[in-house]
Amino acid sequence: MRIFSSLLLILLLFTAPAFATAQFSELLDYNGKPERMFSVPLESYFSAGHPKPDMFRGPMCTACWRGYVGKWKIMD
């Protein structure tokens, strides 16, 4: 038991911290100027029981787990 505890302590002390990949931001066209949004408004739509289109389910990059980058535009 002492060996197990020692090994566990060594693993906890010397393991590298885990890093997450930053996700691509949504894009917002505001007054003709591109801005980045760090919210994902469509995810609440998809999680409310609406299925994601198949084109969002293919191979993906680790920087875009949701499978798409939304492009938004504010118009008067």
PDB file of N, CA and C in Angstrom:
ATOM      1  N   MET A   1       0.829  -1.195   0.000  1.00  0.00           N
ATOM      2  CA  MET A   1       0.000   0.000   0.000  1.00  0.00           C
ATOM      3  C   MET A   1       0.872   1.257   0.000  1.00  0.00           C
ATOM      4  N   ARG A   2       1.985   1.189   0.705  1.00  0.00           N
ATOM      5  CA  ARG A   2       2.876   2.339   0.777  1.00  0.00           C
ATOM      6  C   ARG A   2       3.491   2.644  -0.594  1.00  0.00           C
ATOM      7  N   ILE A   3       3.822   1.593  -1.349  1.00  0.00           N
ATOM      8  CA  ILE A   3       4.392   1.783  -2.690  1.00  0.00           C
ATOM      9  C   ILE A   3       3.350   2.428  -3.604  1.00  0.00           C
ATOM     10  N   PHE A   4       2.120   1.942  -3.521  1.00  0.00           N
ATOM     11  CA  PHE A   4       1.042   2.510  -4.332  1.00  0.00           C
ATOM     12  C   PHE A   4       0.843   3.990  -4.008  1.00  0.00           C
ATOM     13  N   SER A   5       0.826   4.333  -2.739  1.00  0.00           N
ATOM     14  CA  SER A   5       0.652   5.729  -2.328  1.00  0.00           C
ATOM     15  C   SER A   5       1.805   6.593  -2.823  1.00  0.00           C
ATOM     16  N   SER A   6       3.013   6.060  -2.747  1.00  0.00           N
ATOM     17  CA  SER A   6       4.185   6.807  -3.218  1.00  0.00           C
ATOM     18  C   SER A   6       4.119   7.030  -4.723  1.00  0.00           C
ATOM     19  N   LEU A   7       3.752   5.997  -5.473  1.00  0.00           N
ATOM     20  CA  LEU A   7       3.633   6.138  -6.926  1.00  0.00           C
ATOM     21  C   LEU A   7       2.539   7.136  -7.299  1.00  0.00           C
ATOM     22  N   LEU A   8       1.436   7.076  -6.601  1.00  0.00           N
ATOM     23  CA  LEU A   8       0.350   8.010  -6.863  1.00  0.00           C
ATOM     24  C   LEU A   8       0.793   9.444  -6.588  1.00  0.00           C
ATOM     25  N   LEU A   9       1.501   9.657  -5.513  1.00  0.00           N
ATOM     26  CA  LEU A   9       2.002  10.989  -5.181  1.00  0.00           C
ATOM     27  C   LEU A   9       2.972  11.489  -6.248  1.00  0.00           C
ATOM     28  N   ILE A  10       3.863  10.634  -6.704  1.00  0.00           N
ATOM     29  CA  ILE A  10       4.823  11.012  -7.752  1.00  0.00           C
ATOM     30  C   ILE A  10       4.083  11.374  -9.038  1.00  0.00           C
ATOM     31  N   LEU A  11       3.098  10.567  -9.407  1.00  0.00           N
ATOM     32  CA  LEU A  11       2.328  10.865 -10.617  1.00  0.00           C
ATOM     33  C   LEU A  11       1.606  12.201 -10.512  1.00  0.00           C
ATOM     34  N   LEU A  12       1.036  12.468  -9.371  1.00  0.00           N
ATOM     35  CA  LEU A  12       0.315  13.728  -9.194  1.00  0.00           C
ATOM     36  C   LEU A  12       1.248  14.934  -9.203  1.00  0.00           C
ATOM     37  N   LEU A  13       2.442  14.776  -8.674  1.00  0.00           N
ATOM     38  CA  LEU A  13       3.376  15.895  -8.597  1.00  0.00           C
ATOM     39  C   LEU A  13       4.080  16.186  -9.918  1.00  0.00           C
ATOM     40  N   PHE A  14       4.336  15.154 -10.704  1.00  0.00           N
ATOM     41  CA  PHE A  14       5.173  15.331 -11.883  1.00  0.00           C
ATOM     42  C   PHE A  14       4.453  15.206 -13.220  1.00  0.00           C
ATOM     43  N   THR A  15       3.161  15.051 -13.210  1.00  0.00           N
ATOM     44  CA  THR A  15       2.458  15.005 -14.491  1.00  0.00           C
ATOM     45  C   THR A  15       2.303  16.419 -15.021  1.00  0.00           C
ATOM     46  N   ALA A  16       2.372  16.541 -16.325  1.00  0.00           N
ATOM     47  CA  ALA A  16       2.216  17.855 -16.958  1.00  0.00           C
ATOM     48  C   ALA A  16       0.760  18.279 -16.862  1.00  0.00           C
ATOM     49  N   PRO A  17       0.520  19.560 -16.669  1.00  0.00           N
ATOM     50  CA  PRO A  17      -0.868  20.027 -16.627  1.00  0.00           C
ATOM     51  C   PRO A  17      -1.523  19.850 -17.999  1.00  0.00           C
ATOM     52  N   ALA A  18      -2.796  19.588 -18.000  1.00  0.00           N
ATOM     53  CA  ALA A  18      -3.533  19.417 -19.255  1.00  0.00           C
ATOM     54  C   ALA A  18      -3.945  20.789 -19.783  1.00  0.00           C
ATOM     55  N   PHE A  19      -3.800  20.965 -21.068  1.00  0.00           N
ATOM     56  CA  PHE A  19      -4.189  22.218 -21.698  1.00  0.00           C
ATOM     57  C   PHE A  19      -5.310  21.942 -22.688  1.00  0.00           C
ATOM     58  N   ALA A  20      -6.273  22.820 -22.743  1.00  0.00           N
ATOM     59  CA  ALA A  20      -7.372  22.688 -23.695  1.00  0.00           C
ATOM     60  C   ALA A  20      -7.082  23.556 -24.916  1.00  0.00           C
ATOM     61  N   THR A  21      -7.571  23.126 -26.047  1.00  0.00           N
ATOM     62  CA  THR A  21      -7.408  23.896 -27.270  1.00  0.00           C
ATOM     63  C   THR A  21      -8.440  25.016 -27.292  1.00  0.00           C
ATOM     64  N   ALA A  22      -7.995  26.232 -27.543  1.00  0.00           N
ATOM     65  CA  ALA A  22      -8.932  27.351 -27.669  1.00  0.00           C
ATOM     66  C   ALA A  22      -9.824  27.100 -28.880  1.00  0.00           C
ATOM     67  N   GLN A  23     -11.094  27.425 -28.756  1.00  0.00           N
ATOM     68  CA  GLN A  23     -12.053  27.183 -29.824  1.00  0.00           C
ATOM     69  C   GLN A  23     -12.146  28.388 -30.753  1.00  0.00           C
ATOM     70  N   PHE A  24     -12.430  28.114 -32.042  1.00  0.00           N
ATOM     71  CA  PHE A  24     -12.653  29.198 -32.992  1.00  0.00           C
ATOM     72  C   PHE A  24     -13.853  30.013 -32.530  1.00  0.00           C
ATOM     73  N   SER A  25     -13.756  31.316 -32.643  1.00  0.00           N
ATOM     74  CA  SER A  25     -14.862  32.174 -32.225  1.00  0.00           C
ATOM     75  C   SER A  25     -15.861  32.342 -33.361  1.00  0.00           C
ATOM     76  N   GLU A  26     -17.084  32.725 -32.995  1.00  0.00           N
ATOM     77  CA  GLU A  26     -18.078  33.097 -33.988  1.00  0.00           C
ATOM     78  C   GLU A  26     -17.649  34.438 -34.581  1.00  0.00           C
ATOM     79  N   LEU A  27     -18.075  34.725 -35.792  1.00  0.00           N
ATOM     80  CA  LEU A  27     -17.700  35.967 -36.464  1.00  0.00           C
ATOM     81  C   LEU A  27     -18.919  36.869 -36.590  1.00  0.00           C
ATOM     82  N   LEU A  28     -18.741  38.136 -36.272  1.00  0.00           N
ATOM     83  CA  LEU A  28     -19.830  39.108 -36.315  1.00  0.00           C
ATOM     84  C   LEU A  28     -19.419  40.270 -37.206  1.00  0.00           C
ATOM     85  N   ASP A  29     -20.239  40.573 -38.212  1.00  0.00           N
ATOM     86  CA  ASP A  29     -20.015  41.732 -39.072  1.00  0.00           C
ATOM     87  C   ASP A  29     -20.826  42.880 -38.474  1.00  0.00           C
ATOM     88  N   TYR A  30     -20.138  43.848 -37.890  1.00  0.00           N
ATOM     89  CA  TYR A  30     -20.796  44.983 -37.247  1.00  0.00           C
ATOM     90  C   TYR A  30     -20.301  46.266 -37.884  1.00  0.00           C
ATOM     91  N   ASN A  31     -21.189  46.965 -38.571  1.00  0.00           N
ATOM     92  CA  ASN A  31     -20.845  48.187 -39.309  1.00  0.00           C
ATOM     93  C   ASN A  31     -19.716  47.941 -40.305  1.00  0.00           C
ATOM     94  N   GLY A  32     -19.737  46.783 -40.951  1.00  0.00           N
ATOM     95  CA  GLY A  32     -18.731  46.458 -41.952  1.00  0.00           C
ATOM     96  C   GLY A  32     -17.388  46.042 -41.383  1.00  0.00           C
ATOM     97  N   LYS A  33     -17.296  45.975 -40.067  1.00  0.00           N
ATOM     98  CA  LYS A  33     -16.032  45.605 -39.428  1.00  0.00           C
ATOM     99  C   LYS A  33     -16.182  44.221 -38.790  1.00  0.00           C
ATOM    100  N   PRO A  34     -15.290  43.290 -39.105  1.00  0.00           N
ATOM    101  CA  PRO A  34     -15.399  41.959 -38.499  1.00  0.00           C
ATOM    102  C   PRO A  34     -14.997  41.975 -37.022  1.00  0.00           C
ATOM    103  N   GLU A  35     -15.817  41.355 -36.207  1.00  0.00           N
ATOM    104  CA  GLU A  35     -15.554  41.220 -34.769  1.00  0.00           C
ATOM    105  C   GLU A  35     -15.652  39.743 -34.413  1.00  0.00           C
ATOM    106  N   ARG A  36     -15.031  39.364 -33.306  1.00  0.00           N
ATOM    107  CA  ARG A  36     -15.124  37.980 -32.832  1.00  0.00           C
ATOM    108  C   ARG A  36     -16.100  37.909 -31.668  1.00  0.00           C
ATOM    109  N   MET A  37     -16.938  36.890 -31.669  1.00  0.00           N
ATOM    110  CA  MET A  37     -17.880  36.649 -30.572  1.00  0.00           C
ATOM    111  C   MET A  37     -17.423  35.397 -29.832  1.00  0.00           C
ATOM    112  N   PHE A  38     -17.498  35.430 -28.531  1.00  0.00           N
ATOM    113  CA  PHE A  38     -17.085  34.262 -27.758  1.00  0.00           C
ATOM    114  C   PHE A  38     -18.277  33.547 -27.143  1.00  0.00           C
ATOM    115  N   SER A  39     -19.454  33.800 -27.692  1.00  0.00           N
ATOM    116  CA  SER A  39     -20.634  33.025 -27.327  1.00  0.00           C
ATOM    117  C   SER A  39     -21.028  32.206 -28.555  1.00  0.00           C
ATOM    118  N   VAL A  40     -21.791  31.176 -28.339  1.00  0.00           N
ATOM    119  CA  VAL A  40     -22.213  30.310 -29.445  1.00  0.00           C
ATOM    120  C   VAL A  40     -23.737  30.174 -29.401  1.00  0.00           C
ATOM    121  N   PRO A  41     -24.459  31.164 -29.950  1.00  0.00           N
ATOM    122  CA  PRO A  41     -25.920  31.186 -29.850  1.00  0.00           C
ATOM    123  C   PRO A  41     -26.617  29.970 -30.449  1.00  0.00           C
ATOM    124  N   LEU A  42     -26.069  29.371 -31.491  1.00  0.00           N
ATOM    125  CA  LEU A  42     -26.742  28.224 -32.103  1.00  0.00           C
ATOM    126  C   LEU A  42     -26.706  26.973 -31.236  1.00  0.00           C
ATOM    127  N   GLU A  43     -25.766  26.883 -30.308  1.00  0.00           N
ATOM    128  CA  GLU A  43     -25.682  25.684 -29.470  1.00  0.00           C
ATOM    129  C   GLU A  43     -26.925  25.513 -28.608  1.00  0.00           C
ATOM    130  N   SER A  44     -27.515  26.607 -28.125  1.00  0.00           N
ATOM    131  CA  SER A  44     -28.747  26.476 -27.339  1.00  0.00           C
ATOM    132  C   SER A  44     -29.895  25.999 -28.230  1.00  0.00           C
ATOM    133  N   TYR A  45     -29.893  26.392 -29.497  1.00  0.00           N
ATOM    134  CA  TYR A  45     -30.902  25.914 -30.443  1.00  0.00           C
ATOM    135  C   TYR A  45     -30.742  24.414 -30.664  1.00  0.00           C
ATOM    136  N   PHE A  46     -29.502  23.968 -30.892  1.00  0.00           N
ATOM    137  CA  PHE A  46     -29.273  22.548 -31.141  1.00  0.00           C
ATOM    138  C   PHE A  46     -29.514  21.710 -29.888  1.00  0.00           C
ATOM    139  N   SER A  47     -29.211  22.228 -28.718  1.00  0.00           N
ATOM    140  CA  SER A  47     -29.416  21.443 -27.502  1.00  0.00           C
ATOM    141  C   SER A  47     -30.884  21.401 -27.090  1.00  0.00           C
ATOM    142  N   ALA A  48     -31.730  22.214 -27.707  1.00  0.00           N
ATOM    143  CA  ALA A  48     -33.159  22.232 -27.381  1.00  0.00           C
ATOM    144  C   ALA A  48     -33.937  21.184 -28.174  1.00  0.00           C
ATOM    145  N   GLY A  49     -33.256  20.193 -28.709  1.00  0.00           N
ATOM    146  CA  GLY A  49     -33.943  19.113 -29.404  1.00  0.00           C
ATOM    147  C   GLY A  49     -33.884  19.190 -30.914  1.00  0.00           C
ATOM    148  N   HIS A  50     -33.299  20.237 -31.461  1.00  0.00           N
ATOM    149  CA  HIS A  50     -33.145  20.336 -32.906  1.00  0.00           C
ATOM    150  C   HIS A  50     -31.835  19.652 -33.299  1.00  0.00           C
ATOM    151  N   PRO A  51     -31.881  18.705 -34.211  1.00  0.00           N
ATOM    152  CA  PRO A  51     -30.638  18.000 -34.575  1.00  0.00           C
ATOM    153  C   PRO A  51     -29.704  18.887 -35.392  1.00  0.00           C
ATOM    154  N   LYS A  52     -28.410  18.679 -35.188  1.00  0.00           N
ATOM    155  CA  LYS A  52     -27.423  19.379 -36.008  1.00  0.00           C
ATOM    156  C   LYS A  52     -27.441  18.776 -37.407  1.00  0.00           C
ATOM    157  N   PRO A  53     -27.309  19.601 -38.442  1.00  0.00           N
ATOM    158  CA  PRO A  53     -27.217  19.046 -39.798  1.00  0.00           C
ATOM    159  C   PRO A  53     -26.006  18.121 -39.923  1.00  0.00           C
ATOM    160  N   ASP A  54     -26.121  17.141 -40.804  1.00  0.00           N
ATOM    161  CA  ASP A  54     -25.049  16.160 -40.985  1.00  0.00           C
ATOM    162  C   ASP A  54     -23.728  16.804 -41.382  1.00  0.00           C
ATOM    163  N   MET A  55     -23.777  17.938 -42.086  1.00  0.00           N
ATOM    164  CA  MET A  55     -22.525  18.571 -42.506  1.00  0.00           C
ATOM    165  C   MET A  55     -21.711  19.069 -41.311  1.00  0.00           C
ATOM    166  N   PHE A  56     -22.320  19.186 -40.124  1.00  0.00           N
ATOM    167  CA  PHE A  56     -21.596  19.595 -38.918  1.00  0.00           C
ATOM    168  C   PHE A  56     -21.022  18.409 -38.161  1.00  0.00           C
ATOM    169  N   ARG A  57     -21.255  17.198 -38.621  1.00  0.00           N
ATOM    170  CA  ARG A  57     -20.860  16.006 -37.881  1.00  0.00           C
ATOM    171  C   ARG A  57     -19.641  15.295 -38.451  1.00  0.00           C
ATOM    172  N   GLY A  58     -19.024  15.809 -39.480  1.00  0.00           N
ATOM    173  CA  GLY A  58     -17.895  15.143 -40.120  1.00  0.00           C
ATOM    174  C   GLY A  58     -16.612  15.300 -39.331  1.00  0.00           C
ATOM    175  N   PRO A  59     -15.481  14.982 -39.975  1.00  0.00           N
ATOM    176  CA  PRO A  59     -14.187  15.162 -39.305  1.00  0.00           C
ATOM    177  C   PRO A  59     -14.025  16.613 -38.880  1.00  0.00           C
ATOM    178  N   MET A  60     -13.495  16.797 -37.696  1.00  0.00           N
ATOM    179  CA  MET A  60     -13.376  18.164 -37.203  1.00  0.00           C
ATOM    180  C   MET A  60     -11.997  18.422 -36.627  1.00  0.00           C
ATOM    181  N   CYS A  61     -11.715  19.653 -36.465  1.00  0.00           N
ATOM    182  CA  CYS A  61     -10.469  20.117 -35.869  1.00  0.00           C
ATOM    183  C   CYS A  61     -10.679  20.218 -34.357  1.00  0.00           C
ATOM    184  N   THR A  62      -9.651  20.002 -33.569  1.00  0.00           N
ATOM    185  CA  THR A  62      -9.808  20.113 -32.117  1.00  0.00           C
ATOM    186  C   THR A  62     -10.099  21.542 -31.683  1.00  0.00           C
ATOM    187  N   ALA A  63      -9.888  22.515 -32.560  1.00  0.00           N
ATOM    188  CA  ALA A  63     -10.194  23.910 -32.235  1.00  0.00           C
ATOM    189  C   ALA A  63     -11.633  24.272 -32.588  1.00  0.00           C
ATOM    190  N   CYS A  64     -12.419  23.285 -33.021  1.00  0.00           N
ATOM    191  CA  CYS A  64     -13.817  23.562 -33.377  1.00  0.00           C
ATOM    192  C   CYS A  64     -14.672  22.326 -33.114  1.00  0.00           C
ATOM    193  N   TRP A  65     -14.854  21.987 -31.847  1.00  0.00           N
ATOM    194  CA  TRP A  65     -15.618  20.796 -31.489  1.00  0.00           C
ATOM    195  C   TRP A  65     -17.074  20.886 -31.902  1.00  0.00           C
ATOM    196  N   ARG A  66     -17.614  22.098 -32.041  1.00  0.00           N
ATOM    197  CA  ARG A  66     -19.026  22.199 -32.404  1.00  0.00           C
ATOM    198  C   ARG A  66     -19.259  21.899 -33.882  1.00  0.00           C
ATOM    199  N   GLY A  67     -18.195  21.888 -34.692  1.00  0.00           N
ATOM    200  CA  GLY A  67     -18.307  21.487 -36.091  1.00  0.00           C
ATOM    201  C   GLY A  67     -18.628  22.604 -37.059  1.00  0.00           C
ATOM    202  N   TYR A  68     -18.719  23.830 -36.595  1.00  0.00           N
ATOM    203  CA  TYR A  68     -19.023  24.957 -37.471  1.00  0.00           C
ATOM    204  C   TYR A  68     -18.519  26.245 -36.831  1.00  0.00           C
ATOM    205  N   VAL A  69     -18.414  27.287 -37.642  1.00  0.00           N
ATOM    206  CA  VAL A  69     -18.144  28.638 -37.153  1.00  0.00           C
ATOM    207  C   VAL A  69     -19.284  29.501 -37.665  1.00  0.00           C
ATOM    208  N   GLY A  70     -20.060  30.065 -36.751  1.00  0.00           N
ATOM    209  CA  GLY A  70     -21.190  30.906 -37.145  1.00  0.00           C
ATOM    210  C   GLY A  70     -20.715  32.268 -37.629  1.00  0.00           C
ATOM    211  N   LYS A  71     -21.380  32.768 -38.658  1.00  0.00           N
ATOM    212  CA  LYS A  71     -21.102  34.114 -39.170  1.00  0.00           C
ATOM    213  C   LYS A  71     -22.387  34.914 -39.037  1.00  0.00           C
ATOM    214  N   TRP A  72     -22.308  36.018 -38.315  1.00  0.00           N
ATOM    215  CA  TRP A  72     -23.470  36.825 -37.990  1.00  0.00           C
ATOM    216  C   TRP A  72     -23.293  38.227 -38.555  1.00  0.00           C
ATOM    217  N   LYS A  73     -24.424  38.891 -38.844  1.00  0.00           N
ATOM    218  CA  LYS A  73     -24.374  40.257 -39.349  1.00  0.00           C
ATOM    219  C   LYS A  73     -25.515  41.043 -38.719  1.00  0.00           C
ATOM    220  N   ILE A  74     -25.206  42.227 -38.206  1.00  0.00           N
ATOM    221  CA  ILE A  74     -26.228  43.114 -37.653  1.00  0.00           C
ATOM    222  C   ILE A  74     -26.630  44.086 -38.752  1.00  0.00           C
ATOM    223  N   MET A  75     -27.928  44.099 -39.057  1.00  0.00           N
ATOM    224  CA  MET A  75     -28.432  44.986 -40.104  1.00  0.00           C
ATOM    225  C   MET A  75     -29.584  45.807 -39.542  1.00  0.00           C
ATOM    226  N   ASP A  76     -29.689  47.046 -39.976  1.00  0.00           N
ATOM    227  CA  ASP A  76     -30.832  47.894 -39.589  1.00  0.00           C
ATOM    228  C   ASP A  76     -31.986  47.642 -40.514  1.00  0.00           C
TER     229      ASP A  76
END
